[in-house]
Structures are given as C-alpha cells and as structure tokens.
PDB file of N, CA and C in Angstrom:
ATOM      1  N   UNK A   1      97.817  73.227  68.235  1.00  0.00           N
ATOM      2  CA  UNK A   1      96.869  72.600  69.128  1.00  0.00           C
ATOM      3  C   UNK A   1      97.148  71.099  69.177  1.00  0.00           C
ATOM      4  N   UNK A   2      96.837  70.546  70.304  1.00  0.00           N
ATOM      5  CA  UNK A   2      97.071  69.110  70.440  1.00  0.00           C
ATOM      6  C   UNK A   2      95.850  68.333  69.962  1.00  0.00           C
ATOM      7  N   UNK A   3      96.139  67.193  69.493  1.00  0.00           N
ATOM      8  CA  UNK A   3      95.048  66.341  69.004  1.00  0.00           C
ATOM      9  C   UNK A   3      94.440  65.592  70.181  1.00  0.00           C
ATOM     10  N   UNK A   4      93.252  65.089  70.034  1.00  0.00           N
ATOM     11  CA  UNK A   4      92.614  64.366  71.140  1.00  0.00           C
ATOM     12  C   UNK A   4      93.416  63.140  71.592  1.00  0.00           C
ATOM     13  N   UNK A   5      94.205  62.535  70.705  1.00  0.00           N
ATOM     14  CA  UNK A   5      94.976  61.368  71.103  1.00  0.00           C
ATOM     15  C   UNK A   5      96.090  61.745  72.087  1.00  0.00           C
ATOM     16  N   UNK A   6      96.642  62.998  71.951  1.00  0.00           N
ATOM     17  CA  UNK A   6      97.738  63.418  72.814  1.00  0.00           C
ATOM     18  C   UNK A   6      97.256  63.867  74.191  1.00  0.00           C
ATOM     19  N   UNK A   7      96.001  64.304  74.302  1.00  0.00           N
ATOM     20  CA  UNK A   7      95.496  64.793  75.575  1.00  0.00           C
ATOM     21  C   UNK A   7      95.221  63.622  76.518  1.00  0.00           C
ATOM     22  N   UNK A   8      95.539  63.782  77.812  1.00  0.00           N
ATOM     23  CA  UNK A   8      95.251  62.698  78.748  1.00  0.00           C
ATOM     24  C   UNK A   8      93.749  62.591  78.990  1.00  0.00           C
ATOM     25  N   UNK A   9      93.339  61.406  79.318  1.00  0.00           N
ATOM     26  CA  UNK A   9      91.913  61.199  79.604  1.00  0.00           C
ATOM     27  C   UNK A   9      91.595  61.824  80.959  1.00  0.00           C
ATOM     28  N   UNK A  10      90.369  62.281  81.167  1.00  0.00           N
ATOM     29  CA  UNK A  10      90.021  62.948  82.427  1.00  0.00           C
ATOM     30  C   UNK A  10      90.266  62.061  83.647  1.00  0.00           C
ATOM     31  N   UNK A  11      90.056  60.794  83.532  1.00  0.00           N
ATOM     32  CA  UNK A  11      90.281  59.901  84.665  1.00  0.00           C
ATOM     33  C   UNK A  11      91.753  59.829  85.041  1.00  0.00           C
ATOM     34  N   UNK A  12      92.630  59.809  84.033  1.00  0.00           N
ATOM     35  CA  UNK A  12      94.070  59.753  84.306  1.00  0.00           C
ATOM     36  C   UNK A  12      94.558  61.040  84.971  1.00  0.00           C
ATOM     37  N   UNK A  13      94.088  62.185  84.485  1.00  0.00           N
ATOM     38  CA  UNK A  13      94.492  63.467  85.056  1.00  0.00           C
ATOM     39  C   UNK A  13      94.025  63.573  86.508  1.00  0.00           C
ATOM     40  N   UNK A  14      92.821  63.092  86.790  1.00  0.00           N
ATOM     41  CA  UNK A  14      92.300  63.142  88.152  1.00  0.00           C
ATOM     42  C   UNK A  14      93.111  62.243  89.074  1.00  0.00           C
ATOM     43  N   UNK A  15      93.491  61.084  88.593  1.00  0.00           N
ATOM     44  CA  UNK A  15      94.295  60.163  89.413  1.00  0.00           C
ATOM     45  C   UNK A  15      95.670  60.773  89.705  1.00  0.00           C
ATOM     46  N   UNK A  16      96.298  61.432  88.710  1.00  0.00           N
ATOM     47  CA  UNK A  16      97.594  62.063  88.950  1.00  0.00           C
ATOM     48  C   UNK A  16      97.481  63.215  89.941  1.00  0.00           C
ATOM     49  N   UNK A  17      96.396  63.976  89.858  1.00  0.00           N
ATOM     50  CA  UNK A  17      96.203  65.093  90.778  1.00  0.00           C
ATOM     51  C   UNK A  17      96.007  64.591  92.203  1.00  0.00           C
ATOM     52  N   UNK A  18      95.265  63.520  92.375  1.00  0.00           N
ATOM     53  CA  UNK A  18      95.058  62.963  93.719  1.00  0.00           C
ATOM     54  C   UNK A  18      96.361  62.426  94.292  1.00  0.00           C
ATOM     55  N   UNK A  19      97.199  61.839  93.460  1.00  0.00           N
ATOM     56  CA  UNK A  19      98.475  61.314  93.941  1.00  0.00           C
ATOM     57  C   UNK A  19      99.413  62.460  94.342  1.00  0.00           C
ATOM     58  N   UNK A  20      99.361  63.547  93.607  1.00  0.00           N
ATOM     59  CA  UNK A  20     100.229  64.674  93.905  1.00  0.00           C
ATOM     60  C   UNK A  20      99.719  65.493  95.088  1.00  0.00           C
ATOM     61  N   UNK A  21      98.441  65.354  95.431  1.00  0.00           N
ATOM     62  CA  UNK A  21      97.868  66.141  96.528  1.00  0.00           C
ATOM     63  C   UNK A  21      98.573  65.836  97.847  1.00  0.00           C
ATOM     64  N   UNK A  22      98.867  64.583  98.118  1.00  0.00           N
ATOM     65  CA  UNK A  22      99.531  64.221  99.366  1.00  0.00           C
ATOM     66  C   UNK A  22     100.951  64.795  99.416  1.00  0.00           C
ATOM     67  N   UNK A  23     101.656  64.764  98.285  1.00  0.00           N
ATOM     68  CA  UNK A  23     103.009  65.328  98.254  1.00  0.00           C
ATOM     69  C   UNK A  23     102.981  66.844  98.481  1.00  0.00           C
ATOM     70  N   UNK A  24     102.018  67.531  97.891  1.00  0.00           N
ATOM     71  CA  UNK A  24     101.932  68.978  98.050  1.00  0.00           C
ATOM     72  C   UNK A  24     101.570  69.344  99.495  1.00  0.00           C
ATOM     73  N   UNK A  25     100.667  68.573 100.104  1.00  0.00           N
ATOM     74  CA  UNK A  25     100.290  68.843 101.491  1.00  0.00           C
ATOM     75  C   UNK A  25     101.484  68.645 102.411  1.00  0.00           C
ATOM     76  N   UNK A  26     102.294  67.624 102.156  1.00  0.00           N
ATOM     77  CA  UNK A  26     103.474  67.391 102.977  1.00  0.00           C
ATOM     78  C   UNK A  26     104.489  68.515 102.789  1.00  0.00           C
ATOM     79  N   UNK A  27     104.614  69.027 101.570  1.00  0.00           N
ATOM     80  CA  UNK A  27     105.553  70.116 101.315  1.00  0.00           C
ATOM     81  C   UNK A  27     105.097  71.410 101.995  1.00  0.00           C
ATOM     82  N   UNK A  28     103.787  71.635 102.064  1.00  0.00           N
ATOM     83  CA  UNK A  28     103.285  72.850 102.683  1.00  0.00           C
ATOM     84  C   UNK A  28     103.375  72.803 104.207  1.00  0.00           C
ATOM     85  N   UNK A  29     103.363  71.611 104.788  1.00  0.00           N
ATOM     86  CA  UNK A  29     103.414  71.482 106.245  1.00  0.00           C
ATOM     87  C   UNK A  29     104.827  71.600 106.796  1.00  0.00           C
ATOM     88  N   UNK A  30     105.846  71.556 105.956  1.00  0.00           N
ATOM     89  CA  UNK A  30     107.221  71.645 106.428  1.00  0.00           C
ATOM     90  C   UNK A  30     107.504  73.045 106.970  1.00  0.00           C
ATOM     91  N   UNK A  31     108.327  73.164 108.018  1.00  0.00           N
ATOM     92  CA  UNK A  31     108.658  74.498 108.528  1.00  0.00           C
ATOM     93  C   UNK A  31     109.480  75.279 107.507  1.00  0.00           C
ATOM     94  N   UNK A  32     109.195  76.552 107.453  1.00  0.00           N
ATOM     95  CA  UNK A  32     109.854  77.416 106.478  1.00  0.00           C
ATOM     96  C   UNK A  32     111.135  77.970 107.109  1.00  0.00           C
ATOM     97  N   UNK A  33     112.250  77.844 106.417  1.00  0.00           N
ATOM     98  CA  UNK A  33     113.509  78.359 106.932  1.00  0.00           C
ATOM     99  C   UNK A  33     113.620  79.854 106.778  1.00  0.00           C
ATOM    100  N   UNK A  34     113.113  80.416 105.694  1.00  0.00           N
ATOM    101  CA  UNK A  34     113.203  81.849 105.428  1.00  0.00           C
ATOM    102  C   UNK A  34     111.815  82.451 105.537  1.00  0.00           C
ATOM    103  N   UNK A  35     111.713  83.599 106.147  1.00  0.00           N
ATOM    104  CA  UNK A  35     110.440  84.303 106.246  1.00  0.00           C
ATOM    105  C   UNK A  35     110.634  85.740 105.784  1.00  0.00           C
ATOM    106  N   UNK A  36     109.605  86.337 105.211  1.00  0.00           N
ATOM    107  CA  UNK A  36     109.710  87.746 104.845  1.00  0.00           C
ATOM    108  C   UNK A  36     109.956  88.598 106.088  1.00  0.00           C
ATOM    109  N   UNK A  37     110.508  89.772 105.890  1.00  0.00           N
ATOM    110  CA  UNK A  37     110.918  90.598 107.026  1.00  0.00           C
ATOM    111  C   UNK A  37     109.723  91.031 107.863  1.00  0.00           C
ATOM    112  N   UNK A  38     108.544  91.197 107.259  1.00  0.00           N
ATOM    113  CA  UNK A  38     107.389  91.650 108.028  1.00  0.00           C
ATOM    114  C   UNK A  38     106.806  90.542 108.895  1.00  0.00           C
ATOM    115  N   UNK A  39     107.261  89.302 108.706  1.00  0.00           N
ATOM    116  CA  UNK A  39     106.767  88.215 109.540  1.00  0.00           C
ATOM    117  C   UNK A  39     107.789  87.792 110.591  1.00  0.00           C
ATOM    118  N   UNK A  40     108.968  88.389 110.577  1.00  0.00           N
ATOM    119  CA  UNK A  40     109.978  88.031 111.563  1.00  0.00           C
ATOM    120  C   UNK A  40     109.690  88.725 112.881  1.00  0.00           C
ATOM    121  N   UNK A  41     110.080  88.137 113.994  1.00  0.00           N
ATOM    122  CA  UNK A  41     109.882  88.826 115.274  1.00  0.00           C
ATOM    123  C   UNK A  41     110.759  90.071 115.350  1.00  0.00           C
ATOM    124  N   UNK A  42     110.247  91.104 115.989  1.00  0.00           N
ATOM    125  CA  UNK A  42     110.981  92.368 116.096  1.00  0.00           C
ATOM    126  C   UNK A  42     112.119  92.249 117.092  1.00  0.00           C
ATOM    127  N   UNK A  43     113.233  92.851 116.741  1.00  0.00           N
ATOM    128  CA  UNK A  43     114.374  92.881 117.632  1.00  0.00           C
ATOM    129  C   UNK A  43     114.407  94.255 118.295  1.00  0.00           C
ATOM    130  N   UNK A  44     114.372  94.333 119.618  1.00  0.00           N
ATOM    131  CA  UNK A  44     114.352  95.653 120.246  1.00  0.00           C
ATOM    132  C   UNK A  44     115.638  96.426 119.981  1.00  0.00           C
ATOM    133  N   UNK A  45     115.484  97.754 119.806  1.00  0.00           N
ATOM    134  CA  UNK A  45     116.646  98.603 119.533  1.00  0.00           C
ATOM    135  C   UNK A  45     117.280  99.032 120.849  1.00  0.00           C
ATOM    136  N   UNK A  46     118.563  99.273 120.797  1.00  0.00           N
ATOM    137  CA  UNK A  46     119.262  99.777 121.975  1.00  0.00           C
ATOM    138  C   UNK A  46     118.954 101.265 122.137  1.00  0.00           C
ATOM    139  N   UNK A  47     119.263 101.807 123.315  1.00  0.00           N
ATOM    140  CA  UNK A  47     119.004 103.226 123.556  1.00  0.00           C
ATOM    141  C   UNK A  47     119.846 104.096 122.635  1.00  0.00           C
ATOM    142  N   UNK A  48     121.075 103.665 122.374  1.00  0.00           N
ATOM    143  CA  UNK A  48     121.935 104.441 121.475  1.00  0.00           C
ATOM    144  C   UNK A  48     121.356 104.467 120.058  1.00  0.00           C
ATOM    145  N   UNK A  49     120.830 103.311 119.630  1.00  0.00           N
ATOM    146  CA  UNK A  49     120.250 103.249 118.282  1.00  0.00           C
ATOM    147  C   UNK A  49     119.015 104.134 118.184  1.00  0.00           C
ATOM    148  N   UNK A  50     118.185 104.140 119.240  1.00  0.00           N
ATOM    149  CA  UNK A  50     116.996 104.994 119.242  1.00  0.00           C
ATOM    150  C   UNK A  50     117.384 106.469 119.185  1.00  0.00           C
ATOM    151  N   UNK A  51     118.383 106.854 120.011  1.00  0.00           N
ATOM    152  CA  UNK A  51     118.818 108.249 120.014  1.00  0.00           C
ATOM    153  C   UNK A  51     119.377 108.653 118.660  1.00  0.00           C
ATOM    154  N   UNK A  52     120.151 107.766 118.056  1.00  0.00           N
ATOM    155  CA  UNK A  52     120.725 108.057 116.739  1.00  0.00           C
ATOM    156  C   UNK A  52     119.626 108.239 115.695  1.00  0.00           C
ATOM    157  N   UNK A  53     118.627 107.361 115.739  1.00  0.00           N
ATOM    158  CA  UNK A  53     117.527 107.455 114.778  1.00  0.00           C
ATOM    159  C   UNK A  53     116.737 108.743 114.985  1.00  0.00           C
ATOM    160  N   UNK A  54     116.486 109.108 116.245  1.00  0.00           N
ATOM    161  CA  UNK A  54     115.738 110.329 116.513  1.00  0.00           C
ATOM    162  C   UNK A  54     116.525 111.575 116.112  1.00  0.00           C
ATOM    163  N   UNK A  55     117.828 111.566 116.327  1.00  0.00           N
ATOM    164  CA  UNK A  55     118.615 112.734 115.923  1.00  0.00           C
ATOM    165  C   UNK A  55     118.650 112.866 114.404  1.00  0.00           C
ATOM    166  N   UNK A  56     118.725 111.745 113.727  1.00  0.00           N
ATOM    167  CA  UNK A  56     118.687 111.782 112.251  1.00  0.00           C
ATOM    168  C   UNK A  56     117.339 112.309 111.767  1.00  0.00           C
ATOM    169  N   UNK A  57     116.251 111.835 112.410  1.00  0.00           N
ATOM    170  CA  UNK A  57     114.920 112.300 112.038  1.00  0.00           C
ATOM    171  C   UNK A  57     114.775 113.796 112.312  1.00  0.00           C
ATOM    172  N   UNK A  58     115.296 114.271 113.442  1.00  0.00           N
ATOM    173  CA  UNK A  58     115.233 115.688 113.793  1.00  0.00           C
ATOM    174  C   UNK A  58     115.976 116.530 112.754  1.00  0.00           C
ATOM    175  N   UNK A  59     117.137 116.053 112.339  1.00  0.00           N
ATOM    176  CA  UNK A  59     117.907 116.791 111.337  1.00  0.00           C
ATOM    177  C   UNK A  59     117.154 116.851 110.011  1.00  0.00           C
ATOM    178  N   UNK A  60     116.528 115.726 109.622  1.00  0.00           N
ATOM    179  CA  UNK A  60     115.769 115.732 108.358  1.00  0.00           C
ATOM    180  C   UNK A  60     114.584 116.681 108.430  1.00  0.00           C
ATOM    181  N   UNK A  61     113.890 116.716 109.576  1.00  0.00           N
ATOM    182  CA  UNK A  61     112.745 117.618 109.719  1.00  0.00           C
ATOM    183  C   UNK A  61     113.188 119.076 109.698  1.00  0.00           C
ATOM    184  N   UNK A  62     114.326 119.371 110.336  1.00  0.00           N
ATOM    185  CA  UNK A  62     114.831 120.744 110.324  1.00  0.00           C
ATOM    186  C   UNK A  62     115.206 121.176 108.904  1.00  0.00           C
ATOM    187  N   UNK A  63     115.844 120.272 108.164  1.00  0.00           N
ATOM    188  CA  UNK A  63     116.200 120.595 106.773  1.00  0.00           C
ATOM    189  C   UNK A  63     114.950 120.834 105.935  1.00  0.00           C
ATOM    190  N   UNK A  64     113.916 120.024 106.154  1.00  0.00           N
ATOM    191  CA  UNK A  64     112.672 120.188 105.402  1.00  0.00           C
ATOM    192  C   UNK A  64     112.010 121.522 105.750  1.00  0.00           C
ATOM    193  N   UNK A  65     112.057 121.914 107.025  1.00  0.00           N
ATOM    194  CA  UNK A  65     111.465 123.192 107.429  1.00  0.00           C
ATOM    195  C   UNK A  65     112.198 124.360 106.769  1.00  0.00           C
ATOM    196  N   UNK A  66     113.525 124.269 106.698  1.00  0.00           N
ATOM    197  CA  UNK A  66     114.287 125.327 106.028  1.00  0.00           C
ATOM    198  C   UNK A  66     113.931 125.401 104.548  1.00  0.00           C
ATOM    199  N   UNK A  67     113.773 124.242 103.919  1.00  0.00           N
ATOM    200  CA  UNK A  67     113.404 124.251 102.497  1.00  0.00           C
ATOM    201  C   UNK A  67     112.021 124.850 102.295  1.00  0.00           C
ATOM    202  N   UNK A  68     111.071 124.517 103.179  1.00  0.00           N
ATOM    203  CA  UNK A  68     109.726 125.074 103.054  1.00  0.00           C
ATOM    204  C   UNK A  68     109.736 126.586 103.239  1.00  0.00           C
ATOM    205  N   UNK A  69     110.513 127.043 104.219  1.00  0.00           N
ATOM    206  CA  UNK A  69     110.591 128.480 104.463  1.00  0.00           C
ATOM    207  C   UNK A  69     111.199 129.202 103.264  1.00  0.00           C
ATOM    208  N   UNK A  70     112.248 128.647 102.700  1.00  0.00           N
ATOM    209  CA  UNK A  70     112.884 129.273 101.539  1.00  0.00           C
ATOM    210  C   UNK A  70     111.932 129.281 100.343  1.00  0.00           C
ATOM    211  N   UNK A  71     111.184 128.212 100.161  1.00  0.00           N
ATOM    212  CA  UNK A  71     110.256 128.154  99.029  1.00  0.00           C
ATOM    213  C   UNK A  71     109.122 129.157  99.215  1.00  0.00           C
ATOM    214  N   UNK A  72     108.634 129.292 100.450  1.00  0.00           N
ATOM    215  CA  UNK A  72     107.541 130.229 100.710  1.00  0.00           C
ATOM    216  C   UNK A  72     108.010 131.661 100.513  1.00  0.00           C
ATOM    217  N   UNK A  73     109.217 131.974 100.980  1.00  0.00           N
ATOM    218  CA  UNK A  73     109.725 133.337 100.846  1.00  0.00           C
ATOM    219  C   UNK A  73     110.062 133.673  99.404  1.00  0.00           C
ATOM    220  N   UNK A  74     110.451 132.697  98.609  1.00  0.00           N
ATOM    221  CA  UNK A  74     110.820 132.988  97.228  1.00  0.00           C
ATOM    222  C   UNK A  74     109.601 133.318  96.381  1.00  0.00           C
ATOM    223  N   UNK A  75     108.403 132.890  96.809  1.00  0.00           N
ATOM    224  CA  UNK A  75     107.196 133.167  96.021  1.00  0.00           C
ATOM    225  C   UNK A  75     106.537 134.481  96.407  1.00  0.00           C
ATOM    226  N   UNK A  76     106.932 135.057  97.544  1.00  0.00           N
ATOM    227  CA  UNK A  76     106.286 136.298  97.985  1.00  0.00           C
ATOM    228  C   UNK A  76     106.739 137.468  97.117  1.00  0.00           C
ATOM    229  N   UNK A  77     105.840 138.342  96.760  1.00  0.00           N
ATOM    230  CA  UNK A  77     106.272 139.509  95.972  1.00  0.00           C
ATOM    231  C   UNK A  77     107.113 140.435  96.830  1.00  0.00           C
ATOM    232  N   UNK A  78     108.113 141.014  96.238  1.00  0.00           N
ATOM    233  CA  UNK A  78     108.999 141.916  96.962  1.00  0.00           C
ATOM    234  C   UNK A  78     108.540 143.354  96.740  1.00  0.00           C
ATOM    235  N   UNK A  79     108.395 144.105  97.810  1.00  0.00           N
ATOM    236  CA  UNK A  79     107.860 145.458  97.645  1.00  0.00           C
ATOM    237  C   UNK A  79     108.758 146.366  96.823  1.00  0.00           C
ATOM    238  N   UNK A  80     110.080 146.175  96.851  1.00  0.00           N
ATOM    239  CA  UNK A  80     110.940 147.070  96.070  1.00  0.00           C
ATOM    240  C   UNK A  80     110.703 146.884  94.582  1.00  0.00           C
ATOM    241  N   UNK A  81     110.345 145.658  94.161  1.00  0.00           N
ATOM    242  CA  UNK A  81     110.043 145.460  92.746  1.00  0.00           C
ATOM    243  C   UNK A  81     108.775 146.231  92.372  1.00  0.00           C
ATOM    244  N   UNK A  82     107.779 146.158  93.244  1.00  0.00           N
ATOM    245  CA  UNK A  82     106.531 146.865  92.953  1.00  0.00           C
ATOM    246  C   UNK A  82     106.761 148.373  92.914  1.00  0.00           C
ATOM    247  N   UNK A  83     107.608 148.870  93.806  1.00  0.00           N
ATOM    248  CA  UNK A  83     107.865 150.313  93.821  1.00  0.00           C
ATOM    249  C   UNK A  83     108.564 150.765  92.547  1.00  0.00           C
ATOM    250  N   UNK A  84     109.500 149.931  92.044  1.00  0.00           N
ATOM    251  CA  UNK A  84     110.219 150.301  90.821  1.00  0.00           C
ATOM    252  C   UNK A  84     109.250 150.352  89.653  1.00  0.00           C
ATOM    253  N   UNK A  85     108.369 149.346  89.575  1.00  0.00           N
ATOM    254  CA  UNK A  85     107.404 149.326  88.477  1.00  0.00           C
ATOM    255  C   UNK A  85     106.478 150.525  88.583  1.00  0.00           C
ATOM    256  N   UNK A  86     105.988 150.797  89.783  1.00  0.00           N
ATOM    257  CA  UNK A  86     105.069 151.920  89.948  1.00  0.00           C
ATOM    258  C   UNK A  86     105.770 153.244  89.650  1.00  0.00           C
ATOM    259  N   UNK A  87     107.032 153.380  90.036  1.00  0.00           N
ATOM    260  CA  UNK A  87     107.759 154.631  89.756  1.00  0.00           C
ATOM    261  C   UNK A  87     107.921 154.815  88.264  1.00  0.00           C
ATOM    262  N   UNK A  88     108.208 153.735  87.531  1.00  0.00           N
ATOM    263  CA  UNK A  88     108.342 153.851  86.088  1.00  0.00           C
ATOM    264  C   UNK A  88     107.018 154.234  85.445  1.00  0.00           C
ATOM    265  N   UNK A  89     105.949 153.649  85.962  1.00  0.00           N
ATOM    266  CA  UNK A  89     104.627 154.004  85.400  1.00  0.00           C
ATOM    267  C   UNK A  89     104.312 155.466  85.668  1.00  0.00           C
ATOM    268  N   UNK A  90     104.616 155.928  86.868  1.00  0.00           N
ATOM    269  CA  UNK A  90     104.339 157.337  87.192  1.00  0.00           C
ATOM    270  C   UNK A  90     105.194 158.273  86.346  1.00  0.00           C
ATOM    271  N   UNK A  91     106.431 157.890  86.114  1.00  0.00           N
ATOM    272  CA  UNK A  91     107.326 158.747  85.340  1.00  0.00           C
ATOM    273  C   UNK A  91     106.868 158.824  83.873  1.00  0.00           C
ATOM    274  N   UNK A  92     106.446 157.683  83.347  1.00  0.00           N
ATOM    275  CA  UNK A  92     106.061 157.666  81.928  1.00  0.00           C
ATOM    276  C   UNK A  92     104.688 158.264  81.700  1.00  0.00           C
ATOM    277  N   UNK A  93     103.892 158.360  82.732  1.00  0.00           N
ATOM    278  CA  UNK A  93     102.517 158.850  82.543  1.00  0.00           C
ATOM    279  C   UNK A  93     102.450 160.338  82.262  1.00  0.00           C
TER     280      UNK A  93
END
C-alpha cells in the first residue's frame, strides 16, 4: 500500500484530469480510419455472386434434408426384426 505522502493531493489529481479532458475530447473527435465490419456501408453483390450463394445454400439444405431423412429412418423399428423375435417366442413357447 502506498503511504499518504506518495498519494497525490485531490486538488492536483483534479487539475491533471481537467487538463487531460481537452486532449481526450480532441482524440475522440478525430475521424476513425478503421471501422468494424457491421458499421461499414454494404457493398451490393453481383448477380453471379447471388446465384452462387443461393446454389450453395440450396446444396446445403438438400444435404441437411438427406441427413434428417436417414436419421429418421434409422430410428424406425423394422418389421422383419419384430417378426423374428415373435417367431422365436412362438417357437419356444
């Protein structure tokens, strides 16, 4: 911990903050060279780029539909399995 002699007096700290306030305000008013991507103006896409993006999206949706169909069919009980089990039960009974 610092001793009271090392700490600046409240009046000195306030004077330094007031002097720095003008510098900070000037720094904030300067135009920004770099902006985040969500603040940049949008660049319109060409027709070829739109078609390419839509075809890629269509292919991804088709692949997802095939995966969903395969997953749904893999969980369904198969009747031949049930028949085999039932036949074994009937035979052993």
